[in-house]
């Protein structure tokens, strides 16, 4: 992973509302959640949440899709795993077997 991509992804998470939404989407699984449900569960006003979700998507950490009148947002597990792998690349003085395996972040589709 390029350092600028890692910075973009970390920056996308560097806000309480975005981090809360992302953590909620991680729990939601591959199907994701509608924006209204994310707003309700996080307590973030929908107008604010919309821009926060857009920042997460531009950072490559989430994706969205339209289903009828709803827009569903989901975490991008591959992007999250790549970021964690980048952060842990030189973990444990070059002995990565002592680190948490990044494959633990794979979510079945």
C-alpha atoms as a PDB file:
ATOM      1  CA  UNK A   1       0.000   0.000   0.000  1.00  0.00           C
ATOM      2  CA  UNK A   2       1.269   3.467  -0.819  1.00  0.00           C
ATOM      3  CA  UNK A   3       1.762   5.778   2.132  1.00  0.00           C
ATOM      4  CA  UNK A   4      -0.651   8.382   0.695  1.00  0.00           C
ATOM      5  CA  UNK A   5      -3.432   5.811   0.459  1.00  0.00           C
ATOM      6  CA  UNK A   6      -2.802   4.775   4.070  1.00  0.00           C
ATOM      7  CA  UNK A   7      -2.919   8.435   5.119  1.00  0.00           C
ATOM      8  CA  UNK A   8      -6.196   8.942   3.217  1.00  0.00           C
ATOM      9  CA  UNK A   9      -7.762   5.919   4.900  1.00  0.00           C
ATOM     10  CA  UNK A  10      -6.549   6.857   8.364  1.00  0.00           C
ATOM     11  CA  UNK A  11      -7.730  10.431   7.834  1.00  0.00           C
ATOM     12  CA  UNK A  12     -11.161   9.142   6.837  1.00  0.00           C
ATOM     13  CA  UNK A  13     -11.397   7.402  10.216  1.00  0.00           C
ATOM     14  CA  UNK A  14     -10.102  10.394  12.192  1.00  0.00           C
ATOM     15  CA  UNK A  15     -13.465  11.775  13.303  1.00  0.00           C
ATOM     16  CA  UNK A  16     -15.770  10.434  16.041  1.00  0.00           C
ATOM     17  CA  UNK A  17     -18.860  10.193  13.793  1.00  0.00           C
ATOM     18  CA  UNK A  18     -16.978   8.513  10.946  1.00  0.00           C
ATOM     19  CA  UNK A  19     -15.251   6.060  13.246  1.00  0.00           C
ATOM     20  CA  UNK A  20     -18.569   5.197  14.912  1.00  0.00           C
ATOM     21  CA  UNK A  21     -20.242   4.681  11.528  1.00  0.00           C
ATOM     22  CA  UNK A  22     -17.358   2.564  10.245  1.00  0.00           C
ATOM     23  CA  UNK A  23     -17.328   0.368  13.352  1.00  0.00           C
ATOM     24  CA  UNK A  24     -21.089  -0.085  12.989  1.00  0.00           C
ATOM     25  CA  UNK A  25     -20.672  -1.086   9.347  1.00  0.00           C
ATOM     26  CA  UNK A  26     -17.977  -3.579  10.309  1.00  0.00           C
ATOM     27  CA  UNK A  27     -20.498  -5.213  12.673  1.00  0.00           C
ATOM     28  CA  UNK A  28     -23.264  -5.114  10.047  1.00  0.00           C
ATOM     29  CA  UNK A  29     -21.465  -7.454   7.671  1.00  0.00           C
ATOM     30  CA  UNK A  30     -21.271  -7.515   3.902  1.00  0.00           C
ATOM     31  CA  UNK A  31     -24.920  -6.533   3.363  1.00  0.00           C
ATOM     32  CA  UNK A  32     -24.386  -3.192   5.087  1.00  0.00           C
ATOM     33  CA  UNK A  33     -27.027  -0.828   6.443  1.00  0.00           C
ATOM     34  CA  UNK A  34     -29.220   1.949   5.077  1.00  0.00           C
ATOM     35  CA  UNK A  35     -28.059   5.465   5.879  1.00  0.00           C
ATOM     36  CA  UNK A  36     -31.143   6.143   8.013  1.00  0.00           C
ATOM     37  CA  UNK A  37     -30.375   3.154  10.226  1.00  0.00           C
ATOM     38  CA  UNK A  38     -26.754   4.241  10.602  1.00  0.00           C
ATOM     39  CA  UNK A  39     -27.954   7.705  11.651  1.00  0.00           C
ATOM     40  CA  UNK A  40     -30.397   6.218  14.158  1.00  0.00           C
ATOM     41  CA  UNK A  41     -27.860   3.827  15.688  1.00  0.00           C
ATOM     42  CA  UNK A  42     -25.014   6.341  15.914  1.00  0.00           C
ATOM     43  CA  UNK A  43     -27.128   9.338  16.895  1.00  0.00           C
ATOM     44  CA  UNK A  44     -25.559  11.412  14.119  1.00  0.00           C
ATOM     45  CA  UNK A  45     -28.070  13.674  12.313  1.00  0.00           C
ATOM     46  CA  UNK A  46     -28.764  12.404   8.768  1.00  0.00           C
ATOM     47  CA  UNK A  47     -27.556  15.627   7.136  1.00  0.00           C
ATOM     48  CA  UNK A  48     -24.223  15.355   8.954  1.00  0.00           C
ATOM     49  CA  UNK A  49     -23.947  11.618   8.433  1.00  0.00           C
ATOM     50  CA  UNK A  50     -24.292  11.946   4.670  1.00  0.00           C
ATOM     51  CA  UNK A  51     -21.069  13.921   4.388  1.00  0.00           C
ATOM     52  CA  UNK A  52     -19.303  11.639   6.877  1.00  0.00           C
ATOM     53  CA  UNK A  53     -20.248   8.548   4.855  1.00  0.00           C
ATOM     54  CA  UNK A  54     -19.032  10.242   1.669  1.00  0.00           C
ATOM     55  CA  UNK A  55     -15.628  10.821   3.288  1.00  0.00           C
ATOM     56  CA  UNK A  56     -15.394   7.151   4.282  1.00  0.00           C
ATOM     57  CA  UNK A  57     -16.275   6.111   0.733  1.00  0.00           C
ATOM     58  CA  UNK A  58     -13.752   8.507  -0.835  1.00  0.00           C
ATOM     59  CA  UNK A  59     -11.162   7.035   1.533  1.00  0.00           C
ATOM     60  CA  UNK A  60     -11.949   3.622   0.089  1.00  0.00           C
ATOM     61  CA  UNK A  61     -13.128   2.122   3.375  1.00  0.00           C
ATOM     62  CA  UNK A  62     -16.818   1.764   2.481  1.00  0.00           C
ATOM     63  CA  UNK A  63     -18.954   1.289  -0.573  1.00  0.00           C
ATOM     64  CA  UNK A  64     -22.562   2.154  -1.246  1.00  0.00           C
ATOM     65  CA  UNK A  65     -25.292   0.808  -3.478  1.00  0.00           C
ATOM     66  CA  UNK A  66     -28.853   1.798  -4.215  1.00  0.00           C
ATOM     67  CA  UNK A  67     -31.681  -0.604  -3.429  1.00  0.00           C
ATOM     68  CA  UNK A  68     -35.008   0.925  -4.320  1.00  0.00           C
ATOM     69  CA  UNK A  69     -35.235   4.238  -2.517  1.00  0.00           C
ATOM     70  CA  UNK A  70     -32.524   3.380  -0.008  1.00  0.00           C
ATOM     71  CA  UNK A  71     -28.777   3.694  -0.223  1.00  0.00           C
ATOM     72  CA  UNK A  72     -27.018   0.891   1.605  1.00  0.00           C
ATOM     73  CA  UNK A  73     -23.514   1.418   2.958  1.00  0.00           C
ATOM     74  CA  UNK A  74     -21.097  -1.405   3.713  1.00  0.00           C
ATOM     75  CA  UNK A  75     -17.544  -1.669   4.958  1.00  0.00           C
ATOM     76  CA  UNK A  76     -14.921  -2.686   2.437  1.00  0.00           C
ATOM     77  CA  UNK A  77     -13.252  -5.516   4.334  1.00  0.00           C
ATOM     78  CA  UNK A  78     -10.451  -5.915   1.786  1.00  0.00           C
ATOM     79  CA  UNK A  79      -9.515  -2.235   2.153  1.00  0.00           C
ATOM     80  CA  UNK A  80      -9.637  -2.476   5.943  1.00  0.00           C
ATOM     81  CA  UNK A  81      -7.482  -5.616   5.917  1.00  0.00           C
ATOM     82  CA  UNK A  82      -4.981  -3.967   3.584  1.00  0.00           C
ATOM     83  CA  UNK A  83      -4.725  -0.975   5.917  1.00  0.00           C
ATOM     84  CA  UNK A  84      -4.231  -3.165   8.987  1.00  0.00           C
ATOM     85  CA  UNK A  85      -1.647  -5.250   7.108  1.00  0.00           C
ATOM     86  CA  UNK A  86       0.185  -2.071   6.105  1.00  0.00           C
ATOM     87  CA  UNK A  87       0.220  -0.840   9.704  1.00  0.00           C
ATOM     88  CA  UNK A  88       1.454  -4.208  10.982  1.00  0.00           C
ATOM     89  CA  UNK A  89       3.887  -4.821   8.124  1.00  0.00           C
ATOM     90  CA  UNK A  90       6.978  -4.659  10.302  1.00  0.00           C
ATOM     91  CA  UNK A  91       5.235  -5.875  13.433  1.00  0.00           C
ATOM     92  CA  UNK A  92       7.103  -7.676  16.151  1.00  0.00           C
ATOM     93  CA  UNK A  93      10.583  -6.808  14.880  1.00  0.00           C
ATOM     94  CA  UNK A  94      10.048  -8.692  11.637  1.00  0.00           C
ATOM     95  CA  UNK A  95       8.413 -11.751  13.228  1.00  0.00           C
ATOM     96  CA  UNK A  96       4.813 -11.259  12.049  1.00  0.00           C
ATOM     97  CA  UNK A  97       3.700 -14.650  13.385  1.00  0.00           C
ATOM     98  CA  UNK A  98       3.370 -12.918  16.761  1.00  0.00           C
ATOM     99  CA  UNK A  99       0.869 -10.422  15.363  1.00  0.00           C
ATOM    100  CA  UNK A 100      -2.870 -10.703  14.909  1.00  0.00           C
ATOM    101  CA  UNK A 101      -3.524 -12.284  11.509  1.00  0.00           C
ATOM    102  CA  UNK A 102      -5.119  -9.784   9.138  1.00  0.00           C
ATOM    103  CA  UNK A 103      -7.212 -12.591   7.654  1.00  0.00           C
ATOM    104  CA  UNK A 104      -9.287 -12.337  10.840  1.00  0.00           C
ATOM    105  CA  UNK A 105     -10.943  -9.338   9.216  1.00  0.00           C
ATOM    106  CA  UNK A 106     -12.396 -11.205   6.269  1.00  0.00           C
ATOM    107  CA  UNK A 107     -16.173 -11.131   6.228  1.00  0.00           C
ATOM    108  CA  UNK A 108     -18.054 -13.705   4.202  1.00  0.00           C
ATOM    109  CA  UNK A 109     -19.907 -12.164   1.280  1.00  0.00           C
END
